[in-house]
């Protein structure tokens, strides 16, 4: 129920059980702190420098998503790894390259590495489905949908954090055989303190549209 109830203390407890070495290993294995090499110019790597000093407080805050900076693409790639039974695929946007001499190079999906065991990935997917079902707002009747909200404070240039937030939601469907993954992010939303009031309804409506658009039948 740690994920269902947004318990930062539970996440910090789990991070402490992992220990700093293993925690940092998984952060890097999921692709945080490195470019995805997607083929777009100007890609940045985010910032996980707080974890390199092995300060206990930094690992505690990172366990629930603060104190480090990640890109939306990194977050999508990491969540896709969980949905993809623990295997991280190299993301790409270029479908094919056509050269002047007529040569055509078609991009093929490629495995980067296995990050989680299939069993661990499945348990995590089940937990993410439980999050959506528990919150109800993002649920789509007839389908198993997995996902998680984020409500992160915005860092202040003066140190610490502002009383302003970034709302995000990452989710995928159908959970047992995903066909798509969605990330919705809002910076400084007005009049809505929690992500469940903003990005989650938007995710639900987009998910409904895509399930219908691709004619994906319900599980029951």
N, C-alpha and C. Protein backbone atom coordinates (compact mmCIF):
# COMPACT_ATOMS: atom_id res chain seq x y z
N UNK A 1 0.81 -1.22 0.00
CA UNK A 1 0.00 0.00 0.00
C UNK A 1 0.85 1.28 0.00
N UNK A 2 2.16 1.13 -0.06
CA UNK A 2 3.04 2.30 -0.10
C UNK A 2 2.75 3.14 -1.34
N UNK A 3 2.63 2.49 -2.49
CA UNK A 3 2.35 3.23 -3.73
C UNK A 3 0.92 3.74 -3.76
N UNK A 4 0.00 2.93 -3.29
CA UNK A 4 -1.41 3.32 -3.31
C UNK A 4 -1.66 4.59 -2.50
N UNK A 5 -0.96 4.70 -1.39
CA UNK A 5 -1.22 5.80 -0.46
C UNK A 5 -0.13 6.87 -0.45
N UNK A 6 0.75 6.82 -1.45
CA UNK A 6 1.78 7.87 -1.63
C UNK A 6 2.60 8.07 -0.36
N UNK A 7 3.07 6.97 0.24
CA UNK A 7 3.78 7.05 1.50
C UNK A 7 5.28 7.25 1.27
N UNK A 8 5.73 8.49 1.42
CA UNK A 8 7.16 8.78 1.25
C UNK A 8 8.00 8.03 2.27
N UNK A 9 7.46 7.87 3.47
CA UNK A 9 8.21 7.15 4.51
C UNK A 9 8.41 5.68 4.11
N UNK A 10 7.40 5.10 3.46
CA UNK A 10 7.52 3.71 3.00
C UNK A 10 8.57 3.58 1.91
N UNK A 11 8.59 4.56 0.98
CA UNK A 11 9.60 4.54 -0.09
C UNK A 11 10.99 4.69 0.50
N UNK A 12 11.14 5.58 1.49
CA UNK A 12 12.44 5.78 2.12
C UNK A 12 12.90 4.51 2.86
N UNK A 13 11.94 3.83 3.47
CA UNK A 13 12.26 2.57 4.16
C UNK A 13 12.78 1.53 3.16
N UNK A 14 12.13 1.43 2.02
CA UNK A 14 12.56 0.47 1.00
C UNK A 14 13.93 0.84 0.44
N UNK A 15 14.15 2.15 0.26
CA UNK A 15 15.45 2.60 -0.22
C UNK A 15 16.56 2.25 0.76
N UNK A 16 16.26 2.40 2.04
CA UNK A 16 17.25 2.08 3.07
C UNK A 16 17.55 0.59 3.09
N UNK A 17 16.53 -0.23 2.89
CA UNK A 17 16.73 -1.68 2.84
C UNK A 17 17.63 -2.08 1.67
N UNK A 18 17.49 -1.38 0.55
CA UNK A 18 18.35 -1.66 -0.60
C UNK A 18 19.80 -1.30 -0.30
N UNK A 19 19.99 -0.18 0.38
CA UNK A 19 21.34 0.31 0.63
C UNK A 19 21.80 1.21 -0.50
N UNK A 20 22.72 2.13 -0.23
CA UNK A 20 23.12 3.12 -1.23
C UNK A 20 23.74 2.54 -2.49
N UNK A 21 24.56 1.51 -2.36
CA UNK A 21 25.23 0.94 -3.54
C UNK A 21 24.22 0.34 -4.52
N UNK A 22 23.31 -0.48 -4.01
CA UNK A 22 22.33 -1.13 -4.87
C UNK A 22 21.31 -0.11 -5.39
N UNK A 23 20.94 0.84 -4.55
CA UNK A 23 20.01 1.90 -4.96
C UNK A 23 20.58 2.66 -6.15
N UNK A 24 21.84 3.09 -6.04
CA UNK A 24 22.47 3.85 -7.12
C UNK A 24 22.64 2.99 -8.36
N UNK A 25 22.93 1.72 -8.18
CA UNK A 25 23.05 0.81 -9.33
C UNK A 25 21.76 0.78 -10.13
N UNK A 26 20.63 0.65 -9.44
CA UNK A 26 19.34 0.58 -10.13
C UNK A 26 18.98 1.92 -10.78
N UNK A 27 19.30 3.02 -10.11
CA UNK A 27 19.08 4.34 -10.71
C UNK A 27 19.78 4.42 -12.06
N UNK A 28 21.03 3.97 -12.10
CA UNK A 28 21.79 4.01 -13.35
C UNK A 28 21.30 2.96 -14.35
N UNK A 29 20.96 1.76 -13.86
CA UNK A 29 20.48 0.70 -14.77
C UNK A 29 19.19 1.10 -15.47
N UNK A 30 18.34 1.86 -14.78
CA UNK A 30 17.10 2.32 -15.40
C UNK A 30 17.32 3.46 -16.38
N UNK A 31 18.54 3.99 -16.42
CA UNK A 31 18.87 5.00 -17.41
C UNK A 31 18.92 6.43 -16.92
N UNK A 32 18.73 6.64 -15.63
CA UNK A 32 18.78 8.00 -15.10
C UNK A 32 20.23 8.46 -15.01
N UNK A 33 20.44 9.74 -15.32
CA UNK A 33 21.79 10.28 -15.29
C UNK A 33 22.58 10.03 -16.56
N UNK A 34 21.93 9.54 -17.61
CA UNK A 34 22.61 9.26 -18.88
C UNK A 34 21.65 9.57 -20.04
N UNK A 35 22.21 9.89 -21.18
CA UNK A 35 21.39 10.14 -22.35
C UNK A 35 20.78 8.84 -22.85
N UNK A 36 19.57 8.93 -23.38
CA UNK A 36 18.94 7.75 -23.97
C UNK A 36 19.46 7.48 -25.38
N UNK A 37 20.13 8.48 -25.97
CA UNK A 37 20.64 8.40 -27.35
C UNK A 37 19.52 8.14 -28.34
N UNK A 38 18.42 8.87 -28.14
CA UNK A 38 17.24 8.67 -28.96
C UNK A 38 17.40 9.23 -30.37
N UNK A 39 18.40 10.07 -30.57
CA UNK A 39 18.62 10.63 -31.90
C UNK A 39 18.10 12.04 -32.07
N UNK A 40 17.73 12.69 -30.95
CA UNK A 40 17.29 14.07 -30.99
C UNK A 40 18.39 14.98 -30.47
N UNK A 41 18.59 16.15 -31.09
CA UNK A 41 19.65 17.05 -30.63
C UNK A 41 19.30 17.70 -29.30
N UNK A 42 20.33 18.03 -28.54
CA UNK A 42 20.13 18.78 -27.30
C UNK A 42 19.63 17.97 -26.13
N UNK A 43 19.68 16.65 -26.20
CA UNK A 43 19.21 15.85 -25.08
C UNK A 43 20.12 16.05 -23.86
N UNK A 44 19.52 16.19 -22.70
CA UNK A 44 20.28 16.36 -21.45
C UNK A 44 20.20 15.08 -20.62
N UNK A 45 21.05 15.01 -19.61
CA UNK A 45 21.15 13.77 -18.84
C UNK A 45 20.45 13.83 -17.49
N UNK A 46 19.91 15.00 -17.12
CA UNK A 46 19.34 15.13 -15.79
C UNK A 46 20.46 15.33 -14.78
N UNK A 47 20.17 15.03 -13.52
CA UNK A 47 21.18 15.26 -12.48
C UNK A 47 20.96 14.30 -11.31
N UNK A 48 21.88 13.36 -11.14
CA UNK A 48 21.82 12.44 -10.00
C UNK A 48 23.05 12.61 -9.10
N UNK A 49 23.67 13.78 -9.18
CA UNK A 49 24.91 14.02 -8.43
C UNK A 49 24.74 13.89 -6.93
N UNK A 50 23.54 14.16 -6.42
CA UNK A 50 23.31 14.03 -4.97
C UNK A 50 23.58 12.63 -4.46
N UNK A 51 23.47 11.64 -5.34
CA UNK A 51 23.61 10.25 -4.92
C UNK A 51 25.06 9.77 -4.93
N UNK A 52 25.96 10.61 -5.41
CA UNK A 52 27.35 10.18 -5.53
C UNK A 52 28.15 10.39 -4.25
N UNK A 53 27.56 11.14 -3.31
CA UNK A 53 28.25 11.36 -2.04
C UNK A 53 27.81 10.40 -0.94
N UNK A 54 26.77 9.58 -1.25
CA UNK A 54 26.24 8.59 -0.32
C UNK A 54 25.74 9.20 0.99
N UNK A 55 25.18 10.43 0.88
CA UNK A 55 24.52 11.03 2.04
C UNK A 55 23.16 10.37 2.24
N UNK A 56 22.88 9.92 3.46
CA UNK A 56 21.65 9.17 3.73
C UNK A 56 20.40 9.98 3.40
N UNK A 57 20.41 11.28 3.69
CA UNK A 57 19.25 12.13 3.43
C UNK A 57 18.94 12.19 1.93
N UNK A 58 19.96 12.28 1.09
CA UNK A 58 19.75 12.38 -0.35
C UNK A 58 19.13 11.09 -0.91
N UNK A 59 19.53 9.96 -0.37
CA UNK A 59 18.95 8.70 -0.82
C UNK A 59 17.50 8.57 -0.36
N UNK A 60 17.22 9.09 0.81
CA UNK A 60 15.84 9.05 1.32
C UNK A 60 14.92 9.88 0.43
N UNK A 61 15.34 11.10 0.10
CA UNK A 61 14.49 11.96 -0.74
C UNK A 61 14.40 11.41 -2.17
N UNK A 62 15.49 10.85 -2.67
CA UNK A 62 15.47 10.30 -4.03
C UNK A 62 14.53 9.10 -4.13
N UNK A 63 14.34 8.38 -3.03
CA UNK A 63 13.48 7.20 -3.05
C UNK A 63 12.04 7.55 -3.40
N UNK A 64 11.61 8.78 -3.07
CA UNK A 64 10.24 9.18 -3.44
C UNK A 64 10.25 10.30 -4.48
N UNK A 65 11.39 10.48 -5.17
CA UNK A 65 11.37 11.30 -6.38
C UNK A 65 11.80 12.74 -6.25
N UNK A 66 12.51 13.10 -5.20
CA UNK A 66 13.02 14.47 -5.09
C UNK A 66 14.53 14.43 -4.84
N UNK A 67 15.18 15.58 -5.06
CA UNK A 67 16.61 15.66 -4.84
C UNK A 67 17.45 15.23 -6.04
N UNK A 68 16.80 14.67 -7.05
CA UNK A 68 17.47 14.38 -8.31
C UNK A 68 16.59 14.93 -9.43
N UNK A 69 17.17 15.10 -10.60
CA UNK A 69 16.42 15.62 -11.75
C UNK A 69 16.48 14.60 -12.89
N UNK A 70 15.33 14.28 -13.44
CA UNK A 70 15.27 13.33 -14.55
C UNK A 70 14.44 13.94 -15.67
N UNK A 71 14.67 13.48 -16.88
CA UNK A 71 13.90 13.99 -18.02
C UNK A 71 12.64 13.15 -18.21
N UNK A 72 11.61 13.71 -18.84
CA UNK A 72 10.42 12.92 -19.14
C UNK A 72 10.73 11.66 -19.95
N UNK A 73 11.68 11.77 -20.88
CA UNK A 73 12.04 10.62 -21.70
C UNK A 73 12.70 9.52 -20.86
N UNK A 74 13.55 9.92 -19.92
CA UNK A 74 14.15 8.93 -19.02
C UNK A 74 13.07 8.24 -18.18
N UNK A 75 12.11 9.02 -17.71
CA UNK A 75 11.04 8.46 -16.88
C UNK A 75 10.18 7.49 -17.68
N UNK A 76 9.88 7.86 -18.92
CA UNK A 76 9.13 6.96 -19.81
C UNK A 76 9.89 5.66 -20.05
N UNK A 77 11.19 5.78 -20.30
CA UNK A 77 12.01 4.60 -20.57
C UNK A 77 12.06 3.68 -19.36
N UNK A 78 12.19 4.27 -18.18
CA UNK A 78 12.25 3.47 -16.95
C UNK A 78 10.93 2.74 -16.70
N UNK A 79 9.82 3.46 -16.83
CA UNK A 79 8.52 2.83 -16.61
C UNK A 79 8.23 1.77 -17.68
N UNK A 80 8.68 2.04 -18.88
CA UNK A 80 8.51 1.05 -19.96
C UNK A 80 9.26 -0.23 -19.65
N UNK A 81 10.39 -0.10 -18.98
CA UNK A 81 11.18 -1.27 -18.60
C UNK A 81 10.39 -2.17 -17.65
N UNK A 82 9.70 -1.56 -16.71
CA UNK A 82 8.86 -2.34 -15.79
C UNK A 82 7.73 -3.01 -16.56
N UNK A 83 7.07 -2.24 -17.43
CA UNK A 83 5.95 -2.79 -18.21
C UNK A 83 6.41 -3.87 -19.18
N UNK A 84 7.67 -3.80 -19.60
CA UNK A 84 8.23 -4.73 -20.59
C UNK A 84 8.94 -5.91 -19.92
N UNK A 85 8.43 -6.32 -18.79
CA UNK A 85 8.92 -7.50 -18.07
C UNK A 85 10.38 -7.37 -17.65
N UNK A 86 10.79 -6.14 -17.37
CA UNK A 86 12.12 -5.93 -16.82
C UNK A 86 13.21 -5.66 -17.84
N UNK A 87 12.85 -5.61 -19.12
CA UNK A 87 13.84 -5.39 -20.18
C UNK A 87 13.76 -3.96 -20.68
N UNK A 88 14.91 -3.26 -20.66
CA UNK A 88 14.98 -1.89 -21.15
C UNK A 88 15.30 -1.91 -22.64
N UNK A 89 14.39 -1.33 -23.42
CA UNK A 89 14.59 -1.21 -24.86
C UNK A 89 15.17 0.16 -25.19
N UNK A 90 16.00 0.21 -26.21
CA UNK A 90 16.56 1.50 -26.64
C UNK A 90 15.48 2.30 -27.35
N UNK A 91 15.12 3.49 -26.83
CA UNK A 91 14.07 4.27 -27.50
C UNK A 91 14.58 4.88 -28.80
N UNK A 92 13.67 5.11 -29.73
CA UNK A 92 14.05 5.76 -30.99
C UNK A 92 12.86 6.51 -31.56
N UNK A 93 13.14 7.52 -32.35
CA UNK A 93 12.09 8.28 -33.03
C UNK A 93 12.22 8.21 -34.54
N UNK A 94 13.40 7.84 -35.03
CA UNK A 94 13.61 7.77 -36.48
C UNK A 94 13.24 6.38 -36.97
N UNK A 95 12.22 6.31 -37.80
CA UNK A 95 11.73 5.02 -38.30
C UNK A 95 12.64 4.46 -39.39
N UNK A 96 13.15 5.36 -40.26
CA UNK A 96 14.01 4.90 -41.35
C UNK A 96 14.84 6.05 -41.88
N UNK A 97 15.99 5.71 -42.43
CA UNK A 97 16.88 6.68 -43.06
C UNK A 97 17.02 6.32 -44.54
N UNK A 98 16.81 7.29 -45.39
CA UNK A 98 16.97 7.09 -46.83
C UNK A 98 18.13 7.94 -47.32
N UNK A 99 19.16 7.28 -47.85
CA UNK A 99 20.36 7.97 -48.29
C UNK A 99 20.28 8.34 -49.77
N UNK A 100 21.16 9.26 -50.19
CA UNK A 100 21.14 9.76 -51.56
C UNK A 100 21.38 8.66 -52.60
N UNK A 101 22.13 7.62 -52.21
CA UNK A 101 22.41 6.54 -53.16
C UNK A 101 21.28 5.52 -53.24
N UNK A 102 20.17 5.81 -52.55
CA UNK A 102 19.02 4.91 -52.59
C UNK A 102 18.98 3.89 -51.47
N UNK A 103 20.03 3.83 -50.70
CA UNK A 103 20.08 2.88 -49.58
C UNK A 103 19.07 3.29 -48.50
N UNK A 104 18.37 2.30 -47.99
CA UNK A 104 17.39 2.55 -46.92
C UNK A 104 17.79 1.76 -45.68
N UNK A 105 17.85 2.45 -44.56
CA UNK A 105 18.19 1.83 -43.28
C UNK A 105 16.99 1.95 -42.35
N UNK A 106 16.38 0.80 -42.04
CA UNK A 106 15.18 0.77 -41.20
C UNK A 106 15.59 0.49 -39.76
N UNK A 107 15.10 1.32 -38.84
CA UNK A 107 15.41 1.15 -37.42
C UNK A 107 14.65 -0.05 -36.86
N UNK A 108 15.37 -0.92 -36.20
CA UNK A 108 14.77 -2.09 -35.59
C UNK A 108 14.81 -1.96 -34.06
N UNK A 109 13.76 -2.40 -33.37
CA UNK A 109 13.81 -2.37 -31.91
C UNK A 109 15.00 -3.17 -31.39
N UNK A 110 15.69 -2.64 -30.39
CA UNK A 110 16.86 -3.34 -29.86
C UNK A 110 16.85 -3.30 -28.33
N UNK A 111 17.29 -4.41 -27.75
CA UNK A 111 17.36 -4.53 -26.29
C UNK A 111 18.63 -3.86 -25.79
N UNK A 112 18.49 -3.00 -24.81
CA UNK A 112 19.66 -2.38 -24.19
C UNK A 112 20.20 -3.28 -23.08
N UNK A 113 19.31 -3.72 -22.17
CA UNK A 113 19.74 -4.59 -21.07
C UNK A 113 18.52 -5.02 -20.26
N UNK A 114 18.72 -6.07 -19.47
CA UNK A 114 17.70 -6.47 -18.50
C UNK A 114 18.01 -5.75 -17.19
N UNK A 115 16.99 -5.10 -16.64
CA UNK A 115 17.15 -4.34 -15.40
C UNK A 115 16.56 -5.10 -14.21
N UNK A 116 15.39 -5.69 -14.41
CA UNK A 116 14.70 -6.44 -13.36
C UNK A 116 14.45 -7.86 -13.82
N UNK A 117 14.30 -8.77 -12.88
CA UNK A 117 13.85 -10.11 -13.24
C UNK A 117 12.39 -10.02 -13.69
N UNK A 118 11.95 -10.98 -14.47
CA UNK A 118 10.57 -10.96 -14.94
C UNK A 118 9.59 -11.04 -13.78
N UNK A 119 9.96 -11.80 -12.75
CA UNK A 119 9.08 -11.94 -11.58
C UNK A 119 8.93 -10.61 -10.85
N UNK A 120 10.04 -9.90 -10.65
CA UNK A 120 9.99 -8.61 -9.97
C UNK A 120 9.20 -7.59 -10.78
N UNK A 121 9.42 -7.61 -12.10
CA UNK A 121 8.69 -6.68 -12.97
C UNK A 121 7.19 -6.94 -12.88
N UNK A 122 6.79 -8.21 -12.88
CA UNK A 122 5.37 -8.54 -12.82
C UNK A 122 4.75 -8.07 -11.51
N UNK A 123 5.47 -8.26 -10.40
CA UNK A 123 4.96 -7.81 -9.10
C UNK A 123 4.80 -6.29 -9.09
N UNK A 124 5.74 -5.61 -9.72
CA UNK A 124 5.67 -4.15 -9.76
C UNK A 124 4.51 -3.70 -10.63
N UNK A 125 4.30 -4.37 -11.76
CA UNK A 125 3.15 -4.06 -12.62
C UNK A 125 1.85 -4.25 -11.84
N UNK A 126 1.75 -5.35 -11.11
CA UNK A 126 0.54 -5.60 -10.31
C UNK A 126 0.33 -4.48 -9.29
N UNK A 127 1.43 -4.00 -8.70
CA UNK A 127 1.33 -2.90 -7.73
C UNK A 127 0.86 -1.62 -8.41
N UNK A 128 1.33 -1.37 -9.64
CA UNK A 128 0.93 -0.16 -10.37
C UNK A 128 -0.53 -0.24 -10.83
N UNK A 129 -0.99 -1.44 -11.14
CA UNK A 129 -2.40 -1.64 -11.46
C UNK A 129 -3.25 -1.37 -10.22
N UNK A 130 -2.77 -1.83 -9.08
CA UNK A 130 -3.48 -1.61 -7.82
C UNK A 130 -3.57 -0.13 -7.50
N UNK A 131 -2.52 0.63 -7.83
CA UNK A 131 -2.53 2.09 -7.63
C UNK A 131 -3.68 2.72 -8.40
N UNK A 132 -3.80 2.35 -9.68
CA UNK A 132 -4.85 2.93 -10.53
C UNK A 132 -6.23 2.51 -10.04
N UNK A 133 -6.39 1.23 -9.71
CA UNK A 133 -7.69 0.76 -9.23
C UNK A 133 -8.07 1.39 -7.89
N UNK A 134 -7.09 1.58 -7.03
CA UNK A 134 -7.34 2.18 -5.72
C UNK A 134 -7.75 3.64 -5.87
N UNK A 135 -7.07 4.36 -6.76
CA UNK A 135 -7.38 5.77 -6.95
C UNK A 135 -8.64 6.02 -7.75
N UNK A 136 -9.02 5.04 -8.59
CA UNK A 136 -10.25 5.02 -9.38
C UNK A 136 -10.29 6.05 -10.52
N UNK A 137 -9.70 7.22 -10.34
CA UNK A 137 -9.83 8.29 -11.34
C UNK A 137 -9.22 7.88 -12.68
N UNK A 138 -8.10 7.15 -12.64
CA UNK A 138 -7.43 6.77 -13.89
C UNK A 138 -7.88 5.44 -14.45
N UNK A 139 -8.78 4.75 -13.77
CA UNK A 139 -9.19 3.42 -14.20
C UNK A 139 -10.08 3.47 -15.45
N UNK A 140 -9.94 2.43 -16.29
CA UNK A 140 -10.77 2.29 -17.49
C UNK A 140 -11.49 0.95 -17.37
N UNK A 141 -12.82 0.95 -17.25
CA UNK A 141 -13.57 -0.29 -17.07
C UNK A 141 -13.24 -1.33 -18.13
N UNK A 142 -12.99 -2.57 -17.68
CA UNK A 142 -12.72 -3.65 -18.60
C UNK A 142 -11.24 -3.86 -18.91
N UNK A 143 -10.38 -2.95 -18.44
CA UNK A 143 -8.96 -3.03 -18.75
C UNK A 143 -8.12 -2.94 -17.48
N UNK A 144 -7.00 -3.65 -17.49
CA UNK A 144 -6.01 -3.49 -16.42
C UNK A 144 -5.03 -2.40 -16.86
N UNK A 145 -5.02 -1.32 -16.12
CA UNK A 145 -4.17 -0.16 -16.44
C UNK A 145 -3.21 0.05 -15.28
N UNK A 146 -1.92 0.23 -15.58
CA UNK A 146 -0.94 0.49 -14.55
C UNK A 146 -0.41 1.91 -14.65
N UNK A 147 -0.10 2.51 -13.51
CA UNK A 147 0.45 3.87 -13.57
C UNK A 147 0.69 4.44 -12.19
N UNK A 148 1.33 5.61 -12.18
CA UNK A 148 1.65 6.28 -10.92
C UNK A 148 1.73 7.79 -11.12
N UNK A 149 1.18 8.51 -10.16
CA UNK A 149 1.26 9.96 -10.17
C UNK A 149 2.57 10.42 -9.56
N UNK A 150 2.89 11.68 -9.82
CA UNK A 150 4.00 12.34 -9.14
C UNK A 150 3.60 13.77 -8.82
N UNK A 151 3.88 14.21 -7.60
CA UNK A 151 3.65 15.60 -7.22
C UNK A 151 4.95 16.09 -6.60
N UNK A 152 5.78 16.73 -7.41
CA UNK A 152 7.11 17.12 -6.97
C UNK A 152 7.21 18.63 -6.77
N UNK A 153 7.82 19.03 -5.67
CA UNK A 153 8.08 20.45 -5.45
C UNK A 153 9.16 20.95 -6.40
N UNK A 154 9.04 22.20 -6.82
CA UNK A 154 10.00 22.79 -7.75
C UNK A 154 11.16 23.40 -6.97
N UNK A 155 12.41 23.04 -7.33
CA UNK A 155 13.57 23.60 -6.62
C UNK A 155 13.63 25.12 -6.74
N UNK A 156 14.07 25.77 -5.69
CA UNK A 156 14.24 27.22 -5.69
C UNK A 156 15.68 27.59 -6.01
N UNK A 157 15.87 28.68 -6.74
CA UNK A 157 17.22 29.14 -7.05
C UNK A 157 17.97 29.60 -5.80
N UNK A 158 17.21 29.81 -4.72
CA UNK A 158 17.81 30.25 -3.45
C UNK A 158 18.13 29.08 -2.53
N UNK A 159 17.86 27.88 -3.02
CA UNK A 159 18.03 26.69 -2.19
C UNK A 159 16.71 26.22 -1.64
N UNK A 160 16.59 24.93 -1.39
CA UNK A 160 15.31 24.39 -0.92
C UNK A 160 14.31 24.31 -2.05
N UNK A 161 13.01 24.41 -1.70
CA UNK A 161 11.95 24.26 -2.69
C UNK A 161 10.93 25.38 -2.59
N UNK A 162 10.31 25.66 -3.73
CA UNK A 162 9.22 26.63 -3.76
C UNK A 162 7.92 25.96 -3.31
N UNK A 163 6.92 26.79 -3.05
CA UNK A 163 5.58 26.27 -2.80
C UNK A 163 4.86 26.17 -4.15
N UNK A 164 5.47 25.45 -5.05
CA UNK A 164 4.94 25.25 -6.40
C UNK A 164 5.30 23.83 -6.82
N UNK A 165 4.52 23.26 -7.73
CA UNK A 165 4.65 21.83 -7.98
C UNK A 165 4.68 21.48 -9.47
N UNK A 166 5.23 20.30 -9.73
CA UNK A 166 5.13 19.65 -11.03
C UNK A 166 4.23 18.43 -10.85
N UNK A 167 3.15 18.37 -11.61
CA UNK A 167 2.27 17.22 -11.58
C UNK A 167 2.62 16.31 -12.76
N UNK A 168 2.69 15.02 -12.50
CA UNK A 168 2.96 14.09 -13.59
C UNK A 168 2.21 12.79 -13.37
N UNK A 169 1.99 12.09 -14.47
CA UNK A 169 1.42 10.75 -14.40
C UNK A 169 2.03 9.94 -15.53
N UNK A 170 2.51 8.75 -15.20
CA UNK A 170 3.01 7.82 -16.21
C UNK A 170 2.19 6.54 -16.10
N UNK A 171 1.63 6.10 -17.21
CA UNK A 171 0.82 4.90 -17.17
C UNK A 171 0.85 4.15 -18.49
N UNK A 172 0.46 2.88 -18.44
CA UNK A 172 0.49 2.02 -19.64
C UNK A 172 -0.70 1.08 -19.64
N UNK A 173 -1.05 0.61 -20.83
CA UNK A 173 -2.20 -0.29 -20.97
C UNK A 173 -2.08 -1.07 -22.28
N UNK A 174 -2.75 -2.25 -22.33
CA UNK A 174 -3.23 -3.05 -21.20
C UNK A 174 -2.04 -3.54 -20.38
N UNK A 175 -2.17 -3.60 -19.10
CA UNK A 175 -1.03 -3.82 -18.21
C UNK A 175 -0.31 -5.14 -18.47
N UNK A 176 -1.05 -6.19 -18.86
CA UNK A 176 -0.43 -7.50 -19.03
C UNK A 176 0.19 -7.70 -20.42
N UNK A 177 -0.13 -6.82 -21.34
CA UNK A 177 0.46 -6.86 -22.69
C UNK A 177 0.42 -5.45 -23.25
N UNK A 178 1.27 -4.56 -22.72
CA UNK A 178 1.16 -3.13 -23.04
C UNK A 178 1.34 -2.81 -24.52
N UNK A 179 0.49 -1.92 -25.02
CA UNK A 179 0.58 -1.45 -26.40
C UNK A 179 1.06 0.00 -26.48
N UNK A 180 0.95 0.72 -25.36
CA UNK A 180 1.39 2.12 -25.35
C UNK A 180 1.66 2.56 -23.92
N UNK A 181 2.45 3.61 -23.80
CA UNK A 181 2.73 4.23 -22.51
C UNK A 181 2.58 5.73 -22.67
N UNK A 182 2.08 6.38 -21.64
CA UNK A 182 1.77 7.82 -21.71
C UNK A 182 2.40 8.52 -20.52
N UNK A 183 2.99 9.67 -20.77
CA UNK A 183 3.44 10.55 -19.69
C UNK A 183 2.79 11.91 -19.90
N UNK A 184 2.12 12.39 -18.86
CA UNK A 184 1.54 13.74 -18.89
C UNK A 184 2.16 14.54 -17.75
N UNK A 185 2.61 15.75 -18.07
CA UNK A 185 3.31 16.58 -17.10
C UNK A 185 2.77 18.00 -17.14
N UNK A 186 2.49 18.56 -15.97
CA UNK A 186 2.06 19.95 -15.85
C UNK A 186 2.98 20.66 -14.88
N UNK A 187 3.47 21.82 -15.27
CA UNK A 187 4.35 22.62 -14.41
C UNK A 187 3.55 23.79 -13.84
N UNK A 188 3.57 23.93 -12.53
CA UNK A 188 2.88 24.98 -11.80
C UNK A 188 1.38 25.04 -12.11
N UNK A 189 0.66 23.93 -12.00
CA UNK A 189 -0.79 23.99 -12.21
C UNK A 189 -1.44 24.90 -11.16
N UNK A 190 -2.47 25.60 -11.56
CA UNK A 190 -3.13 26.57 -10.68
C UNK A 190 -4.43 25.98 -10.14
N UNK A 191 -4.64 26.09 -8.84
CA UNK A 191 -5.91 25.71 -8.25
C UNK A 191 -6.11 24.23 -8.03
N UNK A 192 -5.03 23.44 -8.16
CA UNK A 192 -5.14 21.99 -7.97
C UNK A 192 -3.87 21.48 -7.29
N UNK A 193 -3.92 21.24 -6.00
CA UNK A 193 -2.71 20.86 -5.27
C UNK A 193 -2.21 19.44 -5.55
N UNK A 194 -3.09 18.56 -6.03
CA UNK A 194 -2.71 17.16 -6.21
C UNK A 194 -2.85 16.73 -7.66
N UNK A 195 -1.97 15.79 -8.07
CA UNK A 195 -1.96 15.30 -9.45
C UNK A 195 -3.26 14.61 -9.85
N UNK A 196 -3.93 14.00 -8.87
CA UNK A 196 -5.16 13.29 -9.16
C UNK A 196 -6.25 14.18 -9.72
N UNK A 197 -6.13 15.49 -9.51
CA UNK A 197 -7.15 16.43 -9.99
C UNK A 197 -6.84 16.97 -11.38
N UNK A 198 -5.62 16.73 -11.87
CA UNK A 198 -5.20 17.34 -13.14
C UNK A 198 -4.80 16.30 -14.18
N UNK A 199 -3.61 15.71 -14.01
CA UNK A 199 -3.06 14.84 -15.05
C UNK A 199 -3.75 13.47 -15.13
N UNK A 200 -4.29 12.98 -14.02
CA UNK A 200 -4.90 11.65 -14.04
C UNK A 200 -6.16 11.60 -14.91
N UNK A 201 -7.09 12.55 -14.78
CA UNK A 201 -8.24 12.52 -15.70
C UNK A 201 -7.82 12.65 -17.17
N UNK A 202 -6.79 13.46 -17.44
CA UNK A 202 -6.30 13.59 -18.82
C UNK A 202 -5.74 12.27 -19.31
N UNK A 203 -5.00 11.57 -18.45
CA UNK A 203 -4.46 10.26 -18.82
C UNK A 203 -5.59 9.27 -19.13
N UNK A 204 -6.61 9.25 -18.29
CA UNK A 204 -7.73 8.32 -18.49
C UNK A 204 -8.40 8.55 -19.84
N UNK A 205 -8.66 9.79 -20.18
CA UNK A 205 -9.35 10.08 -21.44
C UNK A 205 -8.47 9.72 -22.64
N UNK A 206 -7.17 9.98 -22.56
CA UNK A 206 -6.28 9.63 -23.66
C UNK A 206 -6.15 8.12 -23.79
N UNK A 207 -6.12 7.42 -22.65
CA UNK A 207 -6.06 5.96 -22.67
C UNK A 207 -7.30 5.36 -23.31
N UNK A 208 -8.46 5.89 -22.93
CA UNK A 208 -9.71 5.42 -23.55
C UNK A 208 -9.67 5.60 -25.06
N UNK A 209 -9.19 6.75 -25.49
CA UNK A 209 -9.12 7.04 -26.93
C UNK A 209 -8.20 6.05 -27.64
N UNK A 210 -7.02 5.79 -27.08
CA UNK A 210 -6.06 4.91 -27.73
C UNK A 210 -6.54 3.47 -27.76
N UNK A 211 -7.17 3.01 -26.68
CA UNK A 211 -7.71 1.65 -26.66
C UNK A 211 -8.75 1.47 -27.75
N UNK A 212 -9.56 2.49 -27.94
CA UNK A 212 -10.58 2.44 -28.99
C UNK A 212 -9.95 2.58 -30.37
N UNK A 213 -9.00 3.50 -30.50
CA UNK A 213 -8.36 3.77 -31.79
C UNK A 213 -7.65 2.54 -32.33
N UNK A 214 -6.98 1.81 -31.45
CA UNK A 214 -6.24 0.61 -31.88
C UNK A 214 -7.07 -0.67 -31.76
N UNK A 215 -8.36 -0.51 -31.44
CA UNK A 215 -9.30 -1.64 -31.35
C UNK A 215 -8.77 -2.74 -30.42
N UNK A 216 -8.31 -2.34 -29.25
CA UNK A 216 -7.80 -3.28 -28.26
C UNK A 216 -8.95 -3.78 -27.41
N UNK A 217 -9.26 -5.06 -27.46
CA UNK A 217 -10.43 -5.58 -26.74
C UNK A 217 -10.20 -5.59 -25.24
N UNK A 218 -11.28 -5.42 -24.47
CA UNK A 218 -11.15 -5.48 -23.00
C UNK A 218 -10.79 -6.88 -22.56
N UNK A 219 -10.22 -6.96 -21.35
CA UNK A 219 -9.82 -8.25 -20.80
C UNK A 219 -11.03 -9.02 -20.30
N UNK A 220 -12.10 -8.29 -19.94
CA UNK A 220 -13.30 -8.94 -19.42
C UNK A 220 -14.50 -8.02 -19.65
